Amino acid sequence: MNTRLCVANRILQLCQERNLSLNGLAHLSAVPPSTLKSIMNGDSKNPGIVTIKLLCDGFGISLTDFFDHAVFHSREPENI
């Protein structure tokens, strides 16, 4: 699984844990719904760290909490 998919999966997991829709997360994080949907459906190949930080703020977690998850621990080097 590439990093982009790992990020999207982590966002979905956190939304499910918090019973949040993607639109709800967009509202809480001040990230436009279109940006969040682009991340989730793969149109955004490289979501910026500032955007991910805003999403973390919406979730009420740190960047460390976001990335310190099993889905990121076994990542292989990216093939570009």
PDB file of N, CA and C in Angstrom:
ATOM      1  N   MET A   1       0.853  -1.175   0.000  1.00  0.00           N
ATOM      2  CA  MET A   1       0.000   0.000   0.000  1.00  0.00           C
ATOM      3  C   MET A   1       0.899   1.237   0.000  1.00  0.00           C
ATOM      4  N   ASN A   2       0.622   2.170  -0.901  1.00  0.00           N
ATOM      5  CA  ASN A   2       1.441   3.379  -0.943  1.00  0.00           C
ATOM      6  C   ASN A   2       1.023   4.359   0.158  1.00  0.00           C
ATOM      7  N   THR A   3       1.837   5.358   0.349  1.00  0.00           N
ATOM      8  CA  THR A   3       1.612   6.306   1.440  1.00  0.00           C
ATOM      9  C   THR A   3       0.296   7.054   1.281  1.00  0.00           C
ATOM     10  N   ARG A   4      -0.067   7.407   0.054  1.00  0.00           N
ATOM     11  CA  ARG A   4      -1.323   8.117  -0.173  1.00  0.00           C
ATOM     12  C   ARG A   4      -2.501   7.284   0.313  1.00  0.00           C
ATOM     13  N   LEU A   5      -2.493   6.003   0.014  1.00  0.00           N
ATOM     14  CA  LEU A   5      -3.566   5.120   0.484  1.00  0.00           C
ATOM     15  C   LEU A   5      -3.538   4.958   1.996  1.00  0.00           C
ATOM     16  N   CYS A   6      -2.345   4.917   2.569  1.00  0.00           N
ATOM     17  CA  CYS A   6      -2.221   4.831   4.028  1.00  0.00           C
ATOM     18  C   CYS A   6      -2.849   6.054   4.692  1.00  0.00           C
ATOM     19  N   VAL A   7      -2.593   7.231   4.136  1.00  0.00           N
ATOM     20  CA  VAL A   7      -3.167   8.471   4.682  1.00  0.00           C
ATOM     21  C   VAL A   7      -4.689   8.424   4.585  1.00  0.00           C
ATOM     22  N   ALA A   8      -5.204   8.045   3.418  1.00  0.00           N
ATOM     23  CA  ALA A   8      -6.657   7.978   3.239  1.00  0.00           C
ATOM     24  C   ALA A   8      -7.276   6.959   4.194  1.00  0.00           C
ATOM     25  N   ASN A   9      -6.647   5.810   4.343  1.00  0.00           N
ATOM     26  CA  ASN A   9      -7.166   4.792   5.260  1.00  0.00           C
ATOM     27  C   ASN A   9      -7.141   5.267   6.701  1.00  0.00           C
ATOM     28  N   ARG A  10      -6.090   5.988   7.076  1.00  0.00           N
ATOM     29  CA  ARG A  10      -6.002   6.502   8.450  1.00  0.00           C
ATOM     30  C   ARG A  10      -7.101   7.536   8.702  1.00  0.00           C
ATOM     31  N   ILE A  11      -7.362   8.391   7.729  1.00  0.00           N
ATOM     32  CA  ILE A  11      -8.436   9.378   7.864  1.00  0.00           C
ATOM     33  C   ILE A  11      -9.776   8.662   8.042  1.00  0.00           C
ATOM     34  N   LEU A  12     -10.041   7.655   7.222  1.00  0.00           N
ATOM     35  CA  LEU A  12     -11.291   6.906   7.338  1.00  0.00           C
ATOM     36  C   LEU A  12     -11.410   6.235   8.704  1.00  0.00           C
ATOM     37  N   GLN A  13     -10.313   5.652   9.169  1.00  0.00           N
ATOM     38  CA  GLN A  13     -10.333   4.986  10.471  1.00  0.00           C
ATOM     39  C   GLN A  13     -10.674   5.984  11.581  1.00  0.00           C
ATOM     40  N   LEU A  14     -10.019   7.143  11.557  1.00  0.00           N
ATOM     41  CA  LEU A  14     -10.269   8.148  12.591  1.00  0.00           C
ATOM     42  C   LEU A  14     -11.693   8.688  12.508  1.00  0.00           C
ATOM     43  N   CYS A  15     -12.216   8.849  11.302  1.00  0.00           N
ATOM     44  CA  CYS A  15     -13.613   9.285  11.149  1.00  0.00           C
ATOM     45  C   CYS A  15     -14.558   8.245  11.746  1.00  0.00           C
ATOM     46  N   GLN A  16     -14.303   6.988  11.463  1.00  0.00           N
ATOM     47  CA  GLN A  16     -15.160   5.922  11.991  1.00  0.00           C
ATOM     48  C   GLN A  16     -15.097   5.876  13.514  1.00  0.00           C
ATOM     49  N   GLU A  17     -13.898   6.004  14.082  1.00  0.00           N
ATOM     50  CA  GLU A  17     -13.747   5.986  15.537  1.00  0.00           C
ATOM     51  C   GLU A  17     -14.523   7.115  16.202  1.00  0.00           C
ATOM     52  N   ARG A  18     -14.618   8.245  15.505  1.00  0.00           N
ATOM     53  CA  ARG A  18     -15.262   9.429  16.066  1.00  0.00           C
ATOM     54  C   ARG A  18     -16.685   9.635  15.552  1.00  0.00           C
ATOM     55  N   ASN A  19     -17.143   8.677  14.742  1.00  0.00           N
ATOM     56  CA  ASN A  19     -18.481   8.768  14.156  1.00  0.00           C
ATOM     57  C   ASN A  19     -18.654  10.081  13.383  1.00  0.00           C
ATOM     58  N   LEU A  20     -17.647  10.402  12.581  1.00  0.00           N
ATOM     59  CA  LEU A  20     -17.632  11.639  11.791  1.00  0.00           C
ATOM     60  C   LEU A  20     -17.757  11.306  10.310  1.00  0.00           C
ATOM     61  N   SER A  21     -18.514  12.095   9.606  1.00  0.00           N
ATOM     62  CA  SER A  21     -18.519  12.002   8.146  1.00  0.00           C
ATOM     63  C   SER A  21     -17.343  12.823   7.613  1.00  0.00           C
ATOM     64  N   LEU A  22     -17.033  12.634   6.345  1.00  0.00           N
ATOM     65  CA  LEU A  22     -15.967  13.446   5.741  1.00  0.00           C
ATOM     66  C   LEU A  22     -16.359  14.923   5.739  1.00  0.00           C
ATOM     67  N   ASN A  23     -17.629  15.219   5.507  1.00  0.00           N
ATOM     68  CA  ASN A  23     -18.072  16.617   5.559  1.00  0.00           C
ATOM     69  C   ASN A  23     -17.961  17.177   6.965  1.00  0.00           C
ATOM     70  N   GLY A  24     -18.256  16.347   7.959  1.00  0.00           N
ATOM     71  CA  GLY A  24     -18.096  16.781   9.348  1.00  0.00           C
ATOM     72  C   GLY A  24     -16.650  17.086   9.675  1.00  0.00           C
ATOM     73  N   LEU A  25     -15.753  16.224   9.205  1.00  0.00           N
ATOM     74  CA  LEU A  25     -14.322  16.465   9.415  1.00  0.00           C
ATOM     75  C   LEU A  25     -13.888  17.734   8.696  1.00  0.00           C
ATOM     76  N   ALA A  26     -14.353  17.928   7.475  1.00  0.00           N
ATOM     77  CA  ALA A  26     -14.011  19.139   6.726  1.00  0.00           C
ATOM     78  C   ALA A  26     -14.429  20.382   7.509  1.00  0.00           C
ATOM     79  N   HIS A  27     -15.608  20.348   8.079  1.00  0.00           N
ATOM     80  CA  HIS A  27     -16.101  21.478   8.870  1.00  0.00           C
ATOM     81  C   HIS A  27     -15.230  21.706  10.108  1.00  0.00           C
ATOM     82  N   LEU A  28     -14.926  20.640  10.847  1.00  0.00           N
ATOM     83  CA  LEU A  28     -14.129  20.767  12.068  1.00  0.00           C
ATOM     84  C   LEU A  28     -12.695  21.223  11.803  1.00  0.00           C
ATOM     85  N   SER A  29     -12.166  20.836  10.652  1.00  0.00           N
ATOM     86  CA  SER A  29     -10.751  21.099  10.367  1.00  0.00           C
ATOM     87  C   SER A  29     -10.518  22.326   9.487  1.00  0.00           C
ATOM     88  N   ALA A  30     -11.578  22.912   8.975  1.00  0.00           N
ATOM     89  CA  ALA A  30     -11.478  24.061   8.057  1.00  0.00           C
ATOM     90  C   ALA A  30     -10.748  23.692   6.769  1.00  0.00           C
ATOM     91  N   VAL A  31     -10.828  22.427   6.396  1.00  0.00           N
ATOM     92  CA  VAL A  31     -10.302  21.967   5.105  1.00  0.00           C
ATOM     93  C   VAL A  31     -11.503  21.874   4.166  1.00  0.00           C
ATOM     94  N   PRO A  32     -11.419  22.484   3.002  1.00  0.00           N
ATOM     95  CA  PRO A  32     -12.560  22.420   2.082  1.00  0.00           C
ATOM     96  C   PRO A  32     -12.947  20.972   1.787  1.00  0.00           C
ATOM     97  N   PRO A  33     -14.255  20.691   1.757  1.00  0.00           N
ATOM     98  CA  PRO A  33     -14.687  19.326   1.448  1.00  0.00           C
ATOM     99  C   PRO A  33     -14.094  18.802   0.143  1.00  0.00           C
ATOM    100  N   SER A  34     -13.938  19.678  -0.835  1.00  0.00           N
ATOM    101  CA  SER A  34     -13.368  19.240  -2.121  1.00  0.00           C
ATOM    102  C   SER A  34     -11.919  18.775  -1.961  1.00  0.00           C
ATOM    103  N   THR A  35     -11.167  19.423  -1.094  1.00  0.00           N
ATOM    104  CA  THR A  35      -9.781  19.019  -0.838  1.00  0.00           C
ATOM    105  C   THR A  35      -9.753  17.660  -0.152  1.00  0.00           C
ATOM    106  N   LEU A  36     -10.597  17.490   0.843  1.00  0.00           N
ATOM    107  CA  LEU A  36     -10.650  16.224   1.568  1.00  0.00           C
ATOM    108  C   LEU A  36     -11.084  15.094   0.633  1.00  0.00           C
ATOM    109  N   LYS A  37     -12.073  15.351  -0.198  1.00  0.00           N
ATOM    110  CA  LYS A  37     -12.523  14.334  -1.146  1.00  0.00           C
ATOM    111  C   LYS A  37     -11.437  14.004  -2.165  1.00  0.00           C
ATOM    112  N   SER A  38     -10.645  14.993  -2.565  1.00  0.00           N
ATOM    113  CA  SER A  38      -9.526  14.744  -3.483  1.00  0.00           C
ATOM    114  C   SER A  38      -8.481  13.827  -2.849  1.00  0.00           C
ATOM    115  N   ILE A  39      -8.235  14.022  -1.558  1.00  0.00           N
ATOM    116  CA  ILE A  39      -7.300  13.151  -0.838  1.00  0.00           C
ATOM    117  C   ILE A  39      -7.865  11.733  -0.789  1.00  0.00           C
ATOM    118  N   MET A  40      -9.138  11.628  -0.473  1.00  0.00           N
ATOM    119  CA  MET A  40      -9.747  10.318  -0.265  1.00  0.00           C
ATOM    120  C   MET A  40      -9.902   9.519  -1.556  1.00  0.00           C
ATOM    121  N   ASN A  41     -10.179  10.192  -2.667  1.00  0.00           N
ATOM    122  CA  ASN A  41     -10.399   9.437  -3.907  1.00  0.00           C
ATOM    123  C   ASN A  41      -9.162   9.345  -4.791  1.00  0.00           C
ATOM    124  N   GLY A  42      -8.032   9.875  -4.316  1.00  0.00           N
ATOM    125  CA  GLY A  42      -6.778   9.703  -5.034  1.00  0.00           C
ATOM    126  C   GLY A  42      -6.436  10.784  -6.029  1.00  0.00           C
ATOM    127  N   ASP A  43      -7.278  11.801  -6.164  1.00  0.00           N
ATOM    128  CA  ASP A  43      -6.945  12.896  -7.075  1.00  0.00           C
ATOM    129  C   ASP A  43      -5.765  13.704  -6.550  1.00  0.00           C
ATOM    130  N   SER A  44      -5.644  13.802  -5.242  1.00  0.00           N
ATOM    131  CA  SER A  44      -4.510  14.478  -4.614  1.00  0.00           C
ATOM    132  C   SER A  44      -3.457  13.424  -4.330  1.00  0.00           C
ATOM    133  N   LYS A  45      -2.410  13.393  -5.139  1.00  0.00           N
ATOM    134  CA  LYS A  45      -1.376  12.370  -5.020  1.00  0.00           C
ATOM    135  C   LYS A  45      -0.419  12.637  -3.872  1.00  0.00           C
ATOM    136  N   ASN A  46      -0.348  13.890  -3.431  1.00  0.00           N
ATOM    137  CA  ASN A  46       0.616  14.259  -2.405  1.00  0.00           C
ATOM    138  C   ASN A  46      -0.001  15.303  -1.476  1.00  0.00           C
ATOM    139  N   PRO A  47      -0.891  14.873  -0.566  1.00  0.00           N
ATOM    140  CA  PRO A  47      -1.506  15.853   0.336  1.00  0.00           C
ATOM    141  C   PRO A  47      -0.445  16.513   1.205  1.00  0.00           C
ATOM    142  N   GLY A  48      -0.523  17.814   1.325  1.00  0.00           N
ATOM    143  CA  GLY A  48       0.475  18.574   2.075  1.00  0.00           C
ATOM    144  C   GLY A  48       0.390  18.345   3.567  1.00  0.00           C
ATOM    145  N   ILE A  49       1.515  18.519   4.219  1.00  0.00           N
ATOM    146  CA  ILE A  49       1.586  18.314   5.661  1.00  0.00           C
ATOM    147  C   ILE A  49       0.733  19.342   6.399  1.00  0.00           C
ATOM    148  N   VAL A  50       0.599  20.538   5.868  1.00  0.00           N
ATOM    149  CA  VAL A  50      -0.250  21.548   6.514  1.00  0.00           C
ATOM    150  C   VAL A  50      -1.708  21.094   6.468  1.00  0.00           C
ATOM    151  N   THR A  51      -2.133  20.530   5.354  1.00  0.00           N
ATOM    152  CA  THR A  51      -3.497  20.009   5.257  1.00  0.00           C
ATOM    153  C   THR A  51      -3.703  18.866   6.240  1.00  0.00           C
ATOM    154  N   ILE A  52      -2.739  17.962   6.313  1.00  0.00           N
ATOM    155  CA  ILE A  52      -2.852  16.853   7.266  1.00  0.00           C
ATOM    156  C   ILE A  52      -2.874  17.384   8.690  1.00  0.00           C
ATOM    157  N   LYS A  53      -2.098  18.426   8.987  1.00  0.00           N
ATOM    158  CA  LYS A  53      -2.111  19.035  10.326  1.00  0.00           C
ATOM    159  C   LYS A  53      -3.486  19.625  10.630  1.00  0.00           C
ATOM    160  N   LEU A  54      -4.090  20.281   9.674  1.00  0.00           N
ATOM    161  CA  LEU A  54      -5.442  20.823   9.878  1.00  0.00           C
ATOM    162  C   LEU A  54      -6.442  19.699  10.155  1.00  0.00           C
ATOM    163  N   LEU A  55      -6.314  18.593   9.430  1.00  0.00           N
ATOM    164  CA  LEU A  55      -7.192  17.452   9.684  1.00  0.00           C
ATOM    165  C   LEU A  55      -6.962  16.903  11.087  1.00  0.00           C
ATOM    166  N   CYS A  56      -5.703  16.818  11.494  1.00  0.00           N
ATOM    167  CA  CYS A  56      -5.388  16.367  12.857  1.00  0.00           C
ATOM    168  C   CYS A  56      -6.012  17.295  13.889  1.00  0.00           C
ATOM    169  N   ASP A  57      -5.958  18.593  13.645  1.00  0.00           N
ATOM    170  CA  ASP A  57      -6.603  19.552  14.554  1.00  0.00           C
ATOM    171  C   ASP A  57      -8.102  19.264  14.644  1.00  0.00           C
ATOM    172  N   GLY A  58      -8.711  18.959  13.516  1.00  0.00           N
ATOM    173  CA  GLY A  58     -10.133  18.616  13.504  1.00  0.00           C
ATOM    174  C   GLY A  58     -10.419  17.347  14.293  1.00  0.00           C
ATOM    175  N   PHE A  59      -9.509  16.395  14.234  1.00  0.00           N
ATOM    176  CA  PHE A  59      -9.657  15.161  15.005  1.00  0.00           C
ATOM    177  C   PHE A  59      -9.295  15.350  16.481  1.00  0.00           C
ATOM    178  N   GLY A  60      -8.567  16.440  16.767  1.00  0.00           N
ATOM    179  CA  GLY A  60      -8.105  16.657  18.138  1.00  0.00           C
ATOM    180  C   GLY A  60      -6.903  15.805  18.494  1.00  0.00           C
ATOM    181  N   ILE A  61      -6.052  15.528  17.478  1.00  0.00           N
ATOM    182  CA  ILE A  61      -4.848  14.733  17.706  1.00  0.00           C
ATOM    183  C   ILE A  61      -3.636  15.461  17.136  1.00  0.00           C
ATOM    184  N   SER A  62      -2.461  14.971  17.483  1.00  0.00           N
ATOM    185  CA  SER A  62      -1.225  15.540  16.951  1.00  0.00           C
ATOM    186  C   SER A  62      -0.827  14.804  15.666  1.00  0.00           C
ATOM    187  N   LEU A  63       0.105  15.387  14.944  1.00  0.00           N
ATOM    188  CA  LEU A  63       0.652  14.706  13.775  1.00  0.00           C
ATOM    189  C   LEU A  63       1.291  13.383  14.186  1.00  0.00           C
ATOM    190  N   THR A  64       1.935  13.375  15.349  1.00  0.00           N
ATOM    191  CA  THR A  64       2.542  12.135  15.850  1.00  0.00           C
ATOM    192  C   THR A  64       1.478  11.066  16.034  1.00  0.00           C
ATOM    193  N   ASP A  65       0.337  11.443  16.622  1.00  0.00           N
ATOM    194  CA  ASP A  65      -0.751  10.485  16.807  1.00  0.00           C
ATOM    195  C   ASP A  65      -1.273   9.970  15.462  1.00  0.00           C
ATOM    196  N   PHE A  66      -1.319  10.841  14.484  1.00  0.00           N
ATOM    197  CA  PHE A  66      -1.808  10.439  13.163  1.00  0.00           C
ATOM    198  C   PHE A  66      -0.882   9.408  12.526  1.00  0.00           C
ATOM    199  N   PHE A  67       0.420   9.696  12.538  1.00  0.00           N
ATOM    200  CA  PHE A  67       1.378   8.845  11.832  1.00  0.00           C
ATOM    201  C   PHE A  67       1.906   7.678  12.657  1.00  0.00           C
ATOM    202  N   ASP A  68       1.744   7.725  13.975  1.00  0.00           N
ATOM    203  CA  ASP A  68       2.220   6.633  14.821  1.00  0.00           C
ATOM    204  C   ASP A  68       1.144   5.552  14.894  1.00  0.00           C
ATOM    205  N   HIS A  69       0.957   4.896  13.763  1.00  0.00           N
ATOM    206  CA  HIS A  69      -0.071   3.864  13.630  1.00  0.00           C
ATOM    207  C   HIS A  69       0.506   2.727  12.783  1.00  0.00           C
ATOM    208  N   ALA A  70       0.028   1.539  13.014  1.00  0.00           N
ATOM    209  CA  ALA A  70       0.559   0.349  12.342  1.00  0.00           C
ATOM    210  C   ALA A  70       0.581   0.466  10.822  1.00  0.00           C
ATOM    211  N   VAL A  71      -0.395   1.161  10.253  1.00  0.00           N
ATOM    212  CA  VAL A  71      -0.452   1.277   8.793  1.00  0.00           C
ATOM    213  C   VAL A  71       0.799   1.964   8.230  1.00  0.00           C
ATOM    214  N   PHE A  72       1.447   2.813   9.021  1.00  0.00           N
ATOM    215  CA  PHE A  72       2.650   3.511   8.566  1.00  0.00           C
ATOM    216  C   PHE A  72       3.942   2.818   8.994  1.00  0.00           C
ATOM    217  N   HIS A  73       3.875   1.907   9.936  1.00  0.00           N
ATOM    218  CA  HIS A  73       5.092   1.303  10.492  1.00  0.00           C
ATOM    219  C   HIS A  73       5.793   0.362   9.532  1.00  0.00           C
ATOM    220  N   SER A  74       5.071  -0.265   8.661  1.00  0.00           N
ATOM    221  CA  SER A  74       5.685  -1.232   7.757  1.00  0.00           C
ATOM    222  C   SER A  74       5.771  -0.733   6.321  1.00  0.00           C
ATOM    223  N   ARG A  75       5.838   0.560   6.176  1.00  0.00           N
ATOM    224  CA  ARG A  75       5.880   1.164   4.844  1.00  0.00           C
ATOM    225  C   ARG A  75       7.172   0.812   4.114  1.00  0.00           C
ATOM    226  N   GLU A  76       7.030   0.487   2.865  1.00  0.00           N
ATOM    227  CA  GLU A  76       8.156   0.283   1.971  1.00  0.00           C
ATOM    228  C   GLU A  76       8.539   1.633   1.355  1.00  0.00           C
ATOM    229  N   PRO A  77       9.761   1.746   0.843  1.00  0.00           N
ATOM    230  CA  PRO A  77      10.120   2.993   0.147  1.00  0.00           C
ATOM    231  C   PRO A  77       9.156   3.245  -1.017  1.00  0.00           C
ATOM    232  N   GLU A  78       8.857   4.506  -1.252  1.00  0.00           N
ATOM    233  CA  GLU A  78       7.932   4.884  -2.334  1.00  0.00           C
ATOM    234  C   GLU A  78       8.581   4.628  -3.697  1.00  0.00           C
ATOM    235  N   ASN A  79       7.777   4.150  -4.617  1.00  0.00           N
ATOM    236  CA  ASN A  79       8.190   4.047  -6.029  1.00  0.00           C
ATOM    237  C   ASN A  79       7.574   5.213  -6.763  1.00  0.00           C
ATOM    238  N   ILE A  80       8.410   6.076  -7.259  1.00  0.00           N
ATOM    239  CA  ILE A  80       7.907   7.282  -7.932  1.00  0.00           C
ATOM    240  C   ILE A  80       7.938   7.094  -9.424  1.00  0.00           C
TER     241      ILE A  80
END
